[in-house]
Structures are given as C-alpha cells and as structure tokens.
Full PDB file with SEQRES, HELIX, SHEET, SSBOND, CRYST1, ORIGX, SCALE, CONECT and MASTER records, all heavy atoms in Angstrom:
SEQRES   1 A   43  PHE ALA ARG VAL ALA ALA PRO VAL PRO PRO THR VAL TYR          
SEQRES   2 A   43  ILE PRO TYR ALA ILE ALA VAL LEU PRO THR PHE LYS LEU          
SEQRES   3 A   43  SER ALA ILE PHE VAL VAL PHE ILE GLY ALA PHE TRP PRO          
SEQRES   4 A   43  ILE PHE GLN ASN                                              
HELIX    1 AA1 ALA A    2  ALA A    5  1                                   4    
HELIX    2 AA2 PRO A   10  TYR A   13  5                                   4    
HELIX    3 AA3 ILE A   14  VAL A   20  1                                   7    
HELIX    4 AA4 PHE A   24  GLN A   42  1                                  19    
CRYST1    1.000    1.000    1.000  90.00  90.00  90.00 P 1           1          
ORIGX1      1.000000  0.000000  0.000000        0.00000                         
ORIGX2      0.000000  1.000000  0.000000        0.00000                         
ORIGX3      0.000000  0.000000  1.000000        0.00000                         
SCALE1      1.000000  0.000000  0.000000        0.00000                         
SCALE2      0.000000  1.000000  0.000000        0.00000                         
SCALE3      0.000000  0.000000  1.000000        0.00000                         
ATOM      1  N   PHE A   1       0.821  -1.140   0.046  1.00  0.00           N  
ATOM      2  CA  PHE A   1       0.001   0.038   0.023  1.00  0.00           C  
ATOM      3  C   PHE A   1       0.815   1.244   0.012  1.00  0.00           C  
ATOM      4  O   PHE A   1       0.518   2.277  -0.719  1.00  0.00           O  
ATOM      5  CB  PHE A   1      -0.974   0.009   1.233  1.00  0.00           C  
ATOM      6  CG  PHE A   1      -1.678   1.265   1.383  1.00  0.00           C  
ATOM      7  CD1 PHE A   1      -2.772   1.631   0.621  1.00  0.00           C  
ATOM      8  CD2 PHE A   1      -1.256   2.230   2.338  1.00  0.00           C  
ATOM      9  CE1 PHE A   1      -3.438   2.862   0.779  1.00  0.00           C  
ATOM     10  CE2 PHE A   1      -1.912   3.380   2.552  1.00  0.00           C  
ATOM     11  CZ  PHE A   1      -2.966   3.694   1.825  1.00  0.00           C  
ATOM     12  N   ALA A   2       1.873   1.249   0.789  1.00  0.00           N  
ATOM     13  CA  ALA A   2       2.795   2.423   0.833  1.00  0.00           C  
ATOM     14  C   ALA A   2       3.462   2.645  -0.545  1.00  0.00           C  
ATOM     15  O   ALA A   2       3.666   3.859  -0.865  1.00  0.00           O  
ATOM     16  CB  ALA A   2       3.822   2.249   1.899  1.00  0.00           C  
ATOM     17  N   ARG A   3       3.762   1.601  -1.253  1.00  0.00           N  
ATOM     18  CA  ARG A   3       4.515   1.902  -2.518  1.00  0.00           C  
ATOM     19  C   ARG A   3       3.556   2.527  -3.466  1.00  0.00           C  
ATOM     20  O   ARG A   3       3.987   3.115  -4.500  1.00  0.00           O  
ATOM     21  CB  ARG A   3       4.976   0.629  -3.009  1.00  0.00           C  
ATOM     22  CG  ARG A   3       6.154  -0.062  -2.298  1.00  0.00           C  
ATOM     23  CD  ARG A   3       6.753  -1.275  -3.036  1.00  0.00           C  
ATOM     24  NE  ARG A   3       7.806  -1.841  -2.245  1.00  0.00           N  
ATOM     25  CZ  ARG A   3       7.729  -2.930  -1.479  1.00  0.00           C  
ATOM     26  NH1 ARG A   3       6.556  -3.588  -1.460  1.00  0.00           N  
ATOM     27  NH2 ARG A   3       8.716  -3.441  -0.824  1.00  0.00           N  
ATOM     28  N   VAL A   4       2.256   2.359  -3.294  1.00  0.00           N  
ATOM     29  CA  VAL A   4       1.290   2.911  -4.235  1.00  0.00           C  
ATOM     30  C   VAL A   4       0.890   4.375  -3.717  1.00  0.00           C  
ATOM     31  O   VAL A   4       0.806   5.312  -4.500  1.00  0.00           O  
ATOM     32  CB  VAL A   4      -0.121   2.114  -4.405  1.00  0.00           C  
ATOM     33  CG1 VAL A   4      -1.090   2.778  -5.186  1.00  0.00           C  
ATOM     34  CG2 VAL A   4       0.337   0.719  -4.971  1.00  0.00           C  
ATOM     35  N   ALA A   5       0.714   4.545  -2.443  1.00  0.00           N  
ATOM     36  CA  ALA A   5       0.180   5.825  -1.879  1.00  0.00           C  
ATOM     37  C   ALA A   5       1.248   6.814  -1.746  1.00  0.00           C  
ATOM     38  O   ALA A   5       1.024   8.113  -1.950  1.00  0.00           O  
ATOM     39  CB  ALA A   5      -0.491   5.636  -0.575  1.00  0.00           C  
ATOM     40  N   ALA A   6       2.479   6.435  -1.364  1.00  0.00           N  
ATOM     41  CA  ALA A   6       3.563   7.448  -1.174  1.00  0.00           C  
ATOM     42  C   ALA A   6       3.849   8.221  -2.444  1.00  0.00           C  
ATOM     43  O   ALA A   6       4.225   9.479  -2.289  1.00  0.00           O  
ATOM     44  CB  ALA A   6       4.760   6.723  -0.648  1.00  0.00           C  
ATOM     45  N   PRO A   7       3.981   7.684  -3.631  1.00  0.00           N  
ATOM     46  CA  PRO A   7       4.395   8.533  -4.729  1.00  0.00           C  
ATOM     47  C   PRO A   7       3.355   9.492  -5.227  1.00  0.00           C  
ATOM     48  O   PRO A   7       3.662  10.312  -6.079  1.00  0.00           O  
ATOM     49  CB  PRO A   7       4.717   7.470  -5.791  1.00  0.00           C  
ATOM     50  CG  PRO A   7       4.891   6.193  -5.111  1.00  0.00           C  
ATOM     51  CD  PRO A   7       4.013   6.220  -3.948  1.00  0.00           C  
ATOM     52  N   VAL A   8       2.138   9.411  -4.720  1.00  0.00           N  
ATOM     53  CA  VAL A   8       1.083  10.308  -5.170  1.00  0.00           C  
ATOM     54  C   VAL A   8       1.403  11.807  -4.688  1.00  0.00           C  
ATOM     55  O   VAL A   8       1.612  12.024  -3.502  1.00  0.00           O  
ATOM     56  CB  VAL A   8      -0.252   9.910  -4.629  1.00  0.00           C  
ATOM     57  CG1 VAL A   8      -1.358  10.967  -4.994  1.00  0.00           C  
ATOM     58  CG2 VAL A   8      -0.645   8.558  -5.145  1.00  0.00           C  
ATOM     59  N   PRO A   9       1.597  12.797  -5.587  1.00  0.00           N  
ATOM     60  CA  PRO A   9       1.824  14.060  -5.052  1.00  0.00           C  
ATOM     61  C   PRO A   9       0.766  14.656  -4.172  1.00  0.00           C  
ATOM     62  O   PRO A   9      -0.404  14.633  -4.504  1.00  0.00           O  
ATOM     63  CB  PRO A   9       1.903  14.942  -6.446  1.00  0.00           C  
ATOM     64  CG  PRO A   9       2.054  13.972  -7.521  1.00  0.00           C  
ATOM     65  CD  PRO A   9       1.460  12.683  -7.027  1.00  0.00           C  
ATOM     66  N   PRO A  10       1.219  15.121  -2.998  1.00  0.00           N  
ATOM     67  CA  PRO A  10       0.190  15.575  -1.990  1.00  0.00           C  
ATOM     68  C   PRO A  10      -0.625  16.742  -2.504  1.00  0.00           C  
ATOM     69  O   PRO A  10      -1.653  17.134  -1.987  1.00  0.00           O  
ATOM     70  CB  PRO A  10       1.061  15.961  -0.745  1.00  0.00           C  
ATOM     71  CG  PRO A  10       2.226  15.166  -0.918  1.00  0.00           C  
ATOM     72  CD  PRO A  10       2.578  14.994  -2.341  1.00  0.00           C  
ATOM     73  N   THR A  11      -0.008  17.534  -3.440  1.00  0.00           N  
ATOM     74  CA  THR A  11      -0.764  18.648  -3.888  1.00  0.00           C  
ATOM     75  C   THR A  11      -2.113  18.308  -4.586  1.00  0.00           C  
ATOM     76  O   THR A  11      -2.977  19.138  -4.707  1.00  0.00           O  
ATOM     77  CB  THR A  11       0.042  19.439  -4.921  1.00  0.00           C  
ATOM     78  OG1 THR A  11       0.503  18.557  -5.972  1.00  0.00           O  
ATOM     79  CG2 THR A  11       1.238  20.152  -4.321  1.00  0.00           C  
ATOM     80  N   VAL A  12      -2.254  17.117  -5.013  1.00  0.00           N  
ATOM     81  CA  VAL A  12      -3.491  16.685  -5.624  1.00  0.00           C  
ATOM     82  C   VAL A  12      -4.723  16.623  -4.660  1.00  0.00           C  
ATOM     83  O   VAL A  12      -5.834  16.624  -4.981  1.00  0.00           O  
ATOM     84  CB  VAL A  12      -3.449  15.311  -6.476  1.00  0.00           C  
ATOM     85  CG1 VAL A  12      -2.334  15.384  -7.421  1.00  0.00           C  
ATOM     86  CG2 VAL A  12      -3.160  14.215  -5.506  1.00  0.00           C  
ATOM     87  N   TYR A  13      -4.304  16.564  -3.319  1.00  0.00           N  
ATOM     88  CA  TYR A  13      -5.253  16.449  -2.333  1.00  0.00           C  
ATOM     89  C   TYR A  13      -5.800  17.731  -1.940  1.00  0.00           C  
ATOM     90  O   TYR A  13      -6.882  17.884  -1.135  1.00  0.00           O  
ATOM     91  CB  TYR A  13      -4.730  15.818  -1.052  1.00  0.00           C  
ATOM     92  CG  TYR A  13      -4.274  14.410  -1.336  1.00  0.00           C  
ATOM     93  CD1 TYR A  13      -2.928  14.053  -1.088  1.00  0.00           C  
ATOM     94  CD2 TYR A  13      -5.158  13.313  -1.570  1.00  0.00           C  
ATOM     95  CE1 TYR A  13      -2.530  12.734  -1.278  1.00  0.00           C  
ATOM     96  CE2 TYR A  13      -4.754  12.009  -1.794  1.00  0.00           C  
ATOM     97  CZ  TYR A  13      -3.437  11.727  -1.656  1.00  0.00           C  
ATOM     98  OH  TYR A  13      -2.932  10.450  -1.736  1.00  0.00           O  
ATOM     99  N   ILE A  14      -5.146  18.910  -2.312  1.00  0.00           N  
ATOM    100  CA  ILE A  14      -5.514  20.181  -1.893  1.00  0.00           C  
ATOM    101  C   ILE A  14      -6.925  20.616  -2.156  1.00  0.00           C  
ATOM    102  O   ILE A  14      -7.726  20.967  -1.269  1.00  0.00           O  
ATOM    103  CB  ILE A  14      -4.534  21.266  -2.265  1.00  0.00           C  
ATOM    104  CG1 ILE A  14      -3.052  20.974  -1.804  1.00  0.00           C  
ATOM    105  CG2 ILE A  14      -4.980  22.733  -1.947  1.00  0.00           C  
ATOM    106  CD1 ILE A  14      -2.038  21.925  -2.206  1.00  0.00           C  
ATOM    107  N   PRO A  15      -7.448  20.493  -3.518  1.00  0.00           N  
ATOM    108  CA  PRO A  15      -8.775  21.039  -3.698  1.00  0.00           C  
ATOM    109  C   PRO A  15      -9.883  20.082  -3.013  1.00  0.00           C  
ATOM    110  O   PRO A  15     -10.877  20.536  -2.547  1.00  0.00           O  
ATOM    111  CB  PRO A  15      -8.830  20.760  -5.240  1.00  0.00           C  
ATOM    112  CG  PRO A  15      -7.458  20.900  -5.767  1.00  0.00           C  
ATOM    113  CD  PRO A  15      -6.663  20.238  -4.736  1.00  0.00           C  
ATOM    114  N   TYR A  16      -9.506  18.790  -2.939  1.00  0.00           N  
ATOM    115  CA  TYR A  16     -10.471  17.894  -2.285  1.00  0.00           C  
ATOM    116  C   TYR A  16     -10.556  18.170  -0.807  1.00  0.00           C  
ATOM    117  O   TYR A  16     -11.556  18.153  -0.219  1.00  0.00           O  
ATOM    118  CB  TYR A  16     -10.087  16.418  -2.604  1.00  0.00           C  
ATOM    119  CG  TYR A  16     -11.066  15.388  -2.017  1.00  0.00           C  
ATOM    120  CD1 TYR A  16     -12.274  15.194  -2.739  1.00  0.00           C  
ATOM    121  CD2 TYR A  16     -10.772  14.684  -0.889  1.00  0.00           C  
ATOM    122  CE1 TYR A  16     -13.180  14.295  -2.220  1.00  0.00           C  
ATOM    123  CE2 TYR A  16     -11.657  13.784  -0.363  1.00  0.00           C  
ATOM    124  CZ  TYR A  16     -12.872  13.534  -1.136  1.00  0.00           C  
ATOM    125  OH  TYR A  16     -13.816  12.647  -0.605  1.00  0.00           O  
ATOM    126  N   ALA A  17      -9.308  18.373  -0.182  1.00  0.00           N  
ATOM    127  CA  ALA A  17      -9.354  18.627   1.204  1.00  0.00           C  
ATOM    128  C   ALA A  17     -10.065  19.935   1.579  1.00  0.00           C  
ATOM    129  O   ALA A  17     -10.813  20.031   2.573  1.00  0.00           O  
ATOM    130  CB  ALA A  17      -7.907  18.768   1.695  1.00  0.00           C  
ATOM    131  N   ILE A  18      -9.977  20.992   0.710  1.00  0.00           N  
ATOM    132  CA  ILE A  18     -10.622  22.296   0.965  1.00  0.00           C  
ATOM    133  C   ILE A  18     -12.117  22.049   0.863  1.00  0.00           C  
ATOM    134  O   ILE A  18     -12.868  22.701   1.566  1.00  0.00           O  
ATOM    135  CB  ILE A  18     -10.093  23.243  -0.044  1.00  0.00           C  
ATOM    136  CG1 ILE A  18      -8.700  23.661   0.298  1.00  0.00           C  
ATOM    137  CG2 ILE A  18     -10.964  24.590  -0.001  1.00  0.00           C  
ATOM    138  CD1 ILE A  18      -7.963  24.610  -0.652  1.00  0.00           C  
ATOM    139  N   ALA A  19     -12.551  21.167  -0.100  1.00  0.00           N  
ATOM    140  CA  ALA A  19     -13.900  20.935  -0.289  1.00  0.00           C  
ATOM    141  C   ALA A  19     -14.617  20.080   0.843  1.00  0.00           C  
ATOM    142  O   ALA A  19     -15.692  20.251   1.181  1.00  0.00           O  
ATOM    143  CB  ALA A  19     -14.163  20.305  -1.598  1.00  0.00           C  
ATOM    144  N   VAL A  20     -13.804  19.139   1.372  1.00  0.00           N  
ATOM    145  CA  VAL A  20     -14.348  18.333   2.374  1.00  0.00           C  
ATOM    146  C   VAL A  20     -14.298  18.736   3.814  1.00  0.00           C  
ATOM    147  O   VAL A  20     -15.159  18.746   4.622  1.00  0.00           O  
ATOM    148  CB  VAL A  20     -13.688  16.830   2.231  1.00  0.00           C  
ATOM    149  CG1 VAL A  20     -14.073  15.914   3.391  1.00  0.00           C  
ATOM    150  CG2 VAL A  20     -14.033  16.327   0.817  1.00  0.00           C  
ATOM    151  N   LEU A  21     -13.011  19.253   4.190  1.00  0.00           N  
ATOM    152  CA  LEU A  21     -12.893  19.681   5.617  1.00  0.00           C  
ATOM    153  C   LEU A  21     -13.479  21.076   5.782  1.00  0.00           C  
ATOM    154  O   LEU A  21     -13.620  21.799   4.862  1.00  0.00           O  
ATOM    155  CB  LEU A  21     -11.306  19.724   5.713  1.00  0.00           C  
ATOM    156  CG  LEU A  21     -10.522  18.399   5.752  1.00  0.00           C  
ATOM    157  CD1 LEU A  21      -9.176  18.517   5.883  1.00  0.00           C  
ATOM    158  CD2 LEU A  21     -11.143  17.414   6.789  1.00  0.00           C  
ATOM    159  N   PRO A  22     -13.900  21.325   7.016  1.00  0.00           N  
ATOM    160  CA  PRO A  22     -14.690  22.499   7.390  1.00  0.00           C  
ATOM    161  C   PRO A  22     -13.964  23.800   7.154  1.00  0.00           C  
ATOM    162  O   PRO A  22     -14.634  24.783   6.928  1.00  0.00           O  
ATOM    163  CB  PRO A  22     -15.250  22.188   8.744  1.00  0.00           C  
ATOM    164  CG  PRO A  22     -14.211  21.274   9.340  1.00  0.00           C  
ATOM    165  CD  PRO A  22     -13.777  20.363   8.239  1.00  0.00           C  
ATOM    166  N   THR A  23     -12.657  23.803   7.447  1.00  0.00           N  
ATOM    167  CA  THR A  23     -11.925  25.013   7.485  1.00  0.00           C  
ATOM    168  C   THR A  23     -10.676  24.906   6.516  1.00  0.00           C  
ATOM    169  O   THR A  23     -10.248  23.801   6.343  1.00  0.00           O  
ATOM    170  CB  THR A  23     -11.547  25.585   8.737  1.00  0.00           C  
ATOM    171  OG1 THR A  23     -10.583  24.645   9.355  1.00  0.00           O  
ATOM    172  CG2 THR A  23     -12.716  25.737   9.649  1.00  0.00           C  
ATOM    173  N   PHE A  24     -10.172  26.061   6.059  1.00  0.00           N  
ATOM    174  CA  PHE A  24      -8.909  25.999   5.219  1.00  0.00           C  
ATOM    175  C   PHE A  24      -7.812  25.533   6.053  1.00  0.00           C  
ATOM    176  O   PHE A  24      -6.902  24.832   5.622  1.00  0.00           O  
ATOM    177  CB  PHE A  24      -8.697  27.323   4.504  1.00  0.00           C  
ATOM    178  CG  PHE A  24      -7.336  27.542   4.046  1.00  0.00           C  
ATOM    179  CD1 PHE A  24      -6.950  27.035   2.828  1.00  0.00           C  
ATOM    180  CD2 PHE A  24      -6.271  28.103   4.778  1.00  0.00           C  
ATOM    181  CE1 PHE A  24      -5.743  26.989   2.346  1.00  0.00           C  
ATOM    182  CE2 PHE A  24      -4.980  28.203   4.251  1.00  0.00           C  
ATOM    183  CZ  PHE A  24      -4.768  27.692   2.997  1.00  0.00           C  
ATOM    184  N   LYS A  25      -7.742  25.979   7.310  1.00  0.00           N  
ATOM    185  CA  LYS A  25      -6.640  25.651   8.203  1.00  0.00           C  
ATOM    186  C   LYS A  25      -6.533  24.124   8.346  1.00  0.00           C  
ATOM    187  O   LYS A  25      -5.463  23.575   8.267  1.00  0.00           O  
ATOM    188  CB  LYS A  25      -6.848  26.351   9.492  1.00  0.00           C  
ATOM    189  CG  LYS A  25      -5.449  26.285  10.471  1.00  0.00           C  
ATOM    190  CD  LYS A  25      -5.638  27.126  11.653  1.00  0.00           C  
ATOM    191  CE  LYS A  25      -4.383  27.179  12.368  1.00  0.00           C  
ATOM    192  NZ  LYS A  25      -4.439  28.156  13.574  1.00  0.00           N  
ATOM    193  N   LEU A  26      -7.664  23.435   8.583  1.00  0.00           N  
ATOM    194  CA  LEU A  26      -7.638  22.025   8.691  1.00  0.00           C  
ATOM    195  C   LEU A  26      -7.183  21.322   7.427  1.00  0.00           C  
ATOM    196  O   LEU A  26      -6.454  20.324   7.325  1.00  0.00           O  
ATOM    197  CB  LEU A  26      -8.973  21.454   9.112  1.00  0.00           C  
ATOM    198  CG  LEU A  26      -9.394  21.727  10.540  1.00  0.00           C  
ATOM    199  CD1 LEU A  26     -10.768  21.123  10.813  1.00  0.00           C  
ATOM    200  CD2 LEU A  26      -8.397  20.995  11.508  1.00  0.00           C  
ATOM    201  N   SER A  27      -7.698  21.938   6.259  1.00  0.00           N  
ATOM    202  CA  SER A  27      -7.231  21.401   4.973  1.00  0.00           C  
ATOM    203  C   SER A  27      -5.795  21.475   4.774  1.00  0.00           C  
ATOM    204  O   SER A  27      -5.087  20.536   4.337  1.00  0.00           O  
ATOM    205  CB  SER A  27      -8.016  22.194   3.882  1.00  0.00           C  
ATOM    206  OG  SER A  27      -9.426  22.093   4.076  1.00  0.00           O  
ATOM    207  N   ALA A  28      -5.227  22.645   5.161  1.00  0.00           N  
ATOM    208  CA  ALA A  28      -3.753  22.838   4.900  1.00  0.00           C  
ATOM    209  C   ALA A  28      -2.877  21.958   5.873  1.00  0.00           C  
ATOM    210  O   ALA A  28      -1.877  21.421   5.451  1.00  0.00           O  
ATOM    211  CB  ALA A  28      -3.389  24.336   5.188  1.00  0.00           C  
ATOM    212  N   ILE A  29      -3.436  21.853   7.107  1.00  0.00           N  
ATOM    213  CA  ILE A  29      -2.697  20.838   8.067  1.00  0.00           C  
ATOM    214  C   ILE A  29      -2.683  19.458   7.528  1.00  0.00           C  
ATOM    215  O   ILE A  29      -1.721  18.766   7.545  1.00  0.00           O  
ATOM    216  CB  ILE A  29      -3.343  20.945   9.419  1.00  0.00           C  
ATOM    217  CG1 ILE A  29      -3.147  22.337  10.043  1.00  0.00           C  
ATOM    218  CG2 ILE A  29      -2.845  19.863  10.286  1.00  0.00           C  
ATOM    219  CD1 ILE A  29      -3.826  22.652  11.434  1.00  0.00           C  
ATOM    220  N   PHE A  30      -3.840  19.061   6.924  1.00  0.00           N  
ATOM    221  CA  PHE A  30      -4.013  17.772   6.317  1.00  0.00           C  
ATOM    222  C   PHE A  30      -2.901  17.494   5.153  1.00  0.00           C  
ATOM    223  O   PHE A  30      -2.233  16.512   5.191  1.00  0.00           O  
ATOM    224  CB  PHE A  30      -5.325  17.471   5.866  1.00  0.00           C  
ATOM    225  CG  PHE A  30      -5.526  16.241   5.134  1.00  0.00           C  
ATOM    226  CD1 PHE A  30      -5.538  14.922   5.754  1.00  0.00           C  
ATOM    227  CD2 PHE A  30      -5.643  16.289   3.751  1.00  0.00           C  
ATOM    228  CE1 PHE A  30      -5.630  13.777   4.882  1.00  0.00           C  
ATOM    229  CE2 PHE A  30      -5.731  15.002   2.890  1.00  0.00           C  
ATOM    230  CZ  PHE A  30      -5.799  13.873   3.626  1.00  0.00           C  
ATOM    231  N   VAL A  31      -2.826  18.561   4.403  1.00  0.00           N  
ATOM    232  CA  VAL A  31      -1.930  18.382   3.194  1.00  0.00           C  
ATOM    233  C   VAL A  31      -0.415  18.415   3.726  1.00  0.00           C  
ATOM    234  O   VAL A  31       0.422  17.558   3.266  1.00  0.00           O  
ATOM    235  CB  VAL A  31      -2.152  19.580   2.221  1.00  0.00           C  
ATOM    236  CG1 VAL A  31      -1.040  19.605   1.197  1.00  0.00           C  
ATOM    237  CG2 VAL A  31      -3.573  19.440   1.661  1.00  0.00           C  
ATOM    238  N   VAL A  32      -0.177  19.245   4.617  1.00  0.00           N  
ATOM    239  CA  VAL A  32       1.254  19.161   5.189  1.00  0.00           C  
ATOM    240  C   VAL A  32       1.513  17.791   5.902  1.00  0.00           C  
ATOM    241  O   VAL A  32       2.578  17.254   5.744  1.00  0.00           O  
ATOM    242  CB  VAL A  32       1.361  20.345   6.203  1.00  0.00           C  
ATOM    243  CG1 VAL A  32       2.674  20.235   7.017  1.00  0.00           C  
ATOM    244  CG2 VAL A  32       1.354  21.714   5.522  1.00  0.00           C  
ATOM    245  N   PHE A  33       0.553  17.325   6.600  1.00  0.00           N  
ATOM    246  CA  PHE A  33       0.661  15.892   7.256  1.00  0.00           C  
ATOM    247  C   PHE A  33       0.932  14.900   6.199  1.00  0.00           C  
ATOM    248  O   PHE A  33       1.864  14.033   6.354  1.00  0.00           O  
ATOM    249  CB  PHE A  33      -0.606  15.707   8.035  1.00  0.00           C  
ATOM    250  CG  PHE A  33      -0.728  14.205   8.402  1.00  0.00           C  
ATOM    251  CD1 PHE A  33       0.119  13.750   9.492  1.00  0.00           C  
ATOM    252  CD2 PHE A  33      -1.538  13.391   7.799  1.00  0.00           C  
ATOM    253  CE1 PHE A  33       0.025  12.370   9.826  1.00  0.00           C  
ATOM    254  CE2 PHE A  33      -1.596  12.019   8.045  1.00  0.00           C  
ATOM    255  CZ  PHE A  33      -0.815  11.577   9.161  1.00  0.00           C  
ATOM    256  N   ILE A  34       0.145  14.948   5.155  1.00  0.00           N  
ATOM    257  CA  ILE A  34       0.380  13.868   4.138  1.00  0.00           C  
ATOM    258  C   ILE A  34       1.801  13.877   3.513  1.00  0.00           C  
ATOM    259  O   ILE A  34       2.473  12.949   3.268  1.00  0.00           O  
ATOM    260  CB  ILE A  34      -0.700  13.972   3.074  1.00  0.00           C  
ATOM    261  CG1 ILE A  34      -2.087  13.567   3.638  1.00  0.00           C  
ATOM    262  CG2 ILE A  34      -0.381  13.079   1.824  1.00  0.00           C  
ATOM    263  CD1 ILE A  34      -2.215  12.156   4.016  1.00  0.00           C  
ATOM    264  N   GLY A  35       2.231  15.170   3.169  1.00  0.00           N  
ATOM    265  CA  GLY A  35       3.519  15.311   2.520  1.00  0.00           C  
ATOM    266  C   GLY A  35       4.739  14.949   3.516  1.00  0.00           C  
ATOM    267  O   GLY A  35       5.705  14.459   2.975  1.00  0.00           O  
ATOM    268  N   ALA A  36       4.518  15.135   4.787  1.00  0.00           N  
ATOM    269  CA  ALA A  36       5.663  14.803   5.757  1.00  0.00           C  
ATOM    270  C   ALA A  36       5.546  13.417   6.186  1.00  0.00           C  
ATOM    271  O   ALA A  36       6.637  12.793   6.576  1.00  0.00           O  
ATOM    272  CB  ALA A  36       5.618  15.780   6.882  1.00  0.00           C  
ATOM    273  N   PHE A  37       4.341  12.782   6.214  1.00  0.00           N  
ATOM    274  CA  PHE A  37       4.213  11.403   6.787  1.00  0.00           C  
ATOM    275  C   PHE A  37       5.062  10.359   6.002  1.00  0.00           C  
ATOM    276  O   PHE A  37       5.749   9.590   6.663  1.00  0.00           O  
ATOM    277  CB  PHE A  37       2.701  11.125   6.799  1.00  0.00           C  
ATOM    278  CG  PHE A  37       2.457   9.738   7.209  1.00  0.00           C  
ATOM    279  CD1 PHE A  37       2.491   9.341   8.551  1.00  0.00           C  
ATOM    280  CD2 PHE A  37       2.305   8.659   6.249  1.00  0.00           C  
ATOM    281  CE1 PHE A  37       2.241   8.070   8.974  1.00  0.00           C  
ATOM    282  CE2 PHE A  37       2.051   7.322   6.738  1.00  0.00           C  
ATOM    283  CZ  PHE A  37       1.986   7.069   7.968  1.00  0.00           C  
ATOM    284  N   TRP A  38       4.898  10.391   4.714  1.00  0.00           N  
ATOM    285  CA  TRP A  38       5.501   9.195   3.975  1.00  0.00           C  
ATOM    286  C   TRP A  38       7.009   9.185   4.006  1.00  0.00           C  
ATOM    287  O   TRP A  38       7.608   8.114   4.183  1.00  0.00           O  
ATOM    288  CB  TRP A  38       5.037   9.187   2.588  1.00  0.00           C  
ATOM    289  CG  TRP A  38       3.658   8.806   2.433  1.00  0.00           C  
ATOM    290  CD1 TRP A  38       2.606   9.619   1.996  1.00  0.00           C  
ATOM    291  CD2 TRP A  38       3.018   7.541   2.707  1.00  0.00           C  
ATOM    292  NE1 TRP A  38       1.360   8.872   2.003  1.00  0.00           N  
ATOM    293  CE2 TRP A  38       1.620   7.690   2.527  1.00  0.00           C  
ATOM    294  CE3 TRP A  38       3.488   6.395   3.239  1.00  0.00           C  
ATOM    295  CZ2 TRP A  38       0.783   6.592   2.754  1.00  0.00           C  
ATOM    296  CZ3 TRP A  38       2.601   5.330   3.414  1.00  0.00           C  
ATOM    297  CH2 TRP A  38       1.303   5.423   3.239  1.00  0.00           C  
ATOM    298  N   PRO A  39       7.827  10.335   3.892  1.00  0.00           N  
ATOM    299  CA  PRO A  39       9.215  10.252   4.117  1.00  0.00           C  
ATOM    300  C   PRO A  39       9.626   9.739   5.558  1.00  0.00           C  
ATOM    301  O   PRO A  39      10.543   8.927   5.672  1.00  0.00           O  
ATOM    302  CB  PRO A  39       9.760  11.647   3.850  1.00  0.00           C  
ATOM    303  CG  PRO A  39       8.671  12.220   2.973  1.00  0.00           C  
ATOM    304  CD  PRO A  39       7.376  11.595   3.441  1.00  0.00           C  
ATOM    305  N   ILE A  40       8.839  10.238   6.516  1.00  0.00           N  
ATOM    306  CA  ILE A  40       9.217   9.802   7.925  1.00  0.00           C  
ATOM    307  C   ILE A  40       8.900   8.357   8.155  1.00  0.00           C  
ATOM    308  O   ILE A  40       9.629   7.552   8.775  1.00  0.00           O  
ATOM    309  CB  ILE A  40       8.466  10.732   8.893  1.00  0.00           C  
ATOM    310  CG1 ILE A  40       8.864  12.117   8.747  1.00  0.00           C  
ATOM    311  CG2 ILE A  40       8.629  10.203  10.294  1.00  0.00           C  
ATOM    312  CD1 ILE A  40       8.079  13.182   9.594  1.00  0.00           C  
ATOM    313  N   PHE A  41       7.711   7.860   7.652  1.00  0.00           N  
ATOM    314  CA  PHE A  41       7.293   6.450   7.781  1.00  0.00           C  
ATOM    315  C   PHE A  41       8.247   5.593   7.081  1.00  0.00           C  
ATOM    316  O   PHE A  41       8.702   4.575   7.699  1.00  0.00           O  
ATOM    317  CB  PHE A  41       5.960   6.312   7.259  1.00  0.00           C  
ATOM    318  CG  PHE A  41       5.489   4.853   7.117  1.00  0.00           C  
ATOM    319  CD1 PHE A  41       4.954   4.221   8.133  1.00  0.00           C  
ATOM    320  CD2 PHE A  41       5.563   4.188   5.861  1.00  0.00           C  
ATOM    321  CE1 PHE A  41       4.668   2.813   8.033  1.00  0.00           C  
ATOM    322  CE2 PHE A  41       5.157   2.950   5.697  1.00  0.00           C  
ATOM    323  CZ  PHE A  41       4.726   2.215   6.780  1.00  0.00           C  
ATOM    324  N   GLN A  42       8.611   5.926   5.876  1.00  0.00           N  
ATOM    325  CA  GLN A  42       9.572   4.897   5.103  1.00  0.00           C  
ATOM    326  C   GLN A  42      10.896   4.834   5.699  1.00  0.00           C  
ATOM    327  O   GLN A  42      11.509   3.795   5.816  1.00  0.00           O  
ATOM    328  CB  GLN A  42       9.540   5.406   3.643  1.00  0.00           C  
ATOM    329  CG  GLN A  42       8.210   5.149   2.878  1.00  0.00           C  
ATOM    330  CD  GLN A  42       8.288   5.671   1.441  1.00  0.00           C  
ATOM    331  OE1 GLN A  42       8.798   6.842   1.252  1.00  0.00           O  
ATOM    332  NE2 GLN A  42       7.620   5.010   0.566  1.00  0.00           N  
ATOM    333  N   ASN A  43      11.439   6.090   6.131  1.00  0.00           N  
ATOM    334  CA  ASN A  43      12.730   6.025   6.736  1.00  0.00           C  
ATOM    335  C   ASN A  43      12.810   5.332   8.140  1.00  0.00           C  
ATOM    336  O   ASN A  43      13.763   4.638   8.470  1.00  0.00           O  
ATOM    337  CB  ASN A  43      13.295   7.451   6.799  1.00  0.00           C  
ATOM    338  CG  ASN A  43      13.928   7.984   5.575  1.00  0.00           C  
ATOM    339  OD1 ASN A  43      15.061   7.814   5.337  1.00  0.00           O  
ATOM    340  ND2 ASN A  43      13.069   8.556   4.745  1.00  0.00           N  
TER     341      ASN A  43                                                      
MASTER        0    0    0    4    0    0    0    6  340    1    0    4          
END                                                                             
C-alpha cells in the first residue's frame, strides 16, 4: 500500500481537502501531514 500511496503528489489532495474539511486551516494541516508522513514513515 505504501508503494502505491507514497508517490502520489500531496498537492492533488488540496482541492479535495478544501472541499471536504470544514476550514482552510484544517485542509492545509492535512496536506502538510500527508507530505511529511510518507518520508518519515519509510525512513
């Protein structure tokens, strides 16, 4: 699963996160989390 999900650019989640999550701040935190999670997890 990680080999499939990790290479997906986190920027593609930005419009969807803004549409789904209630505030922009939560959307931005989610995108930052996704971008930082995979390198830390894999290492």
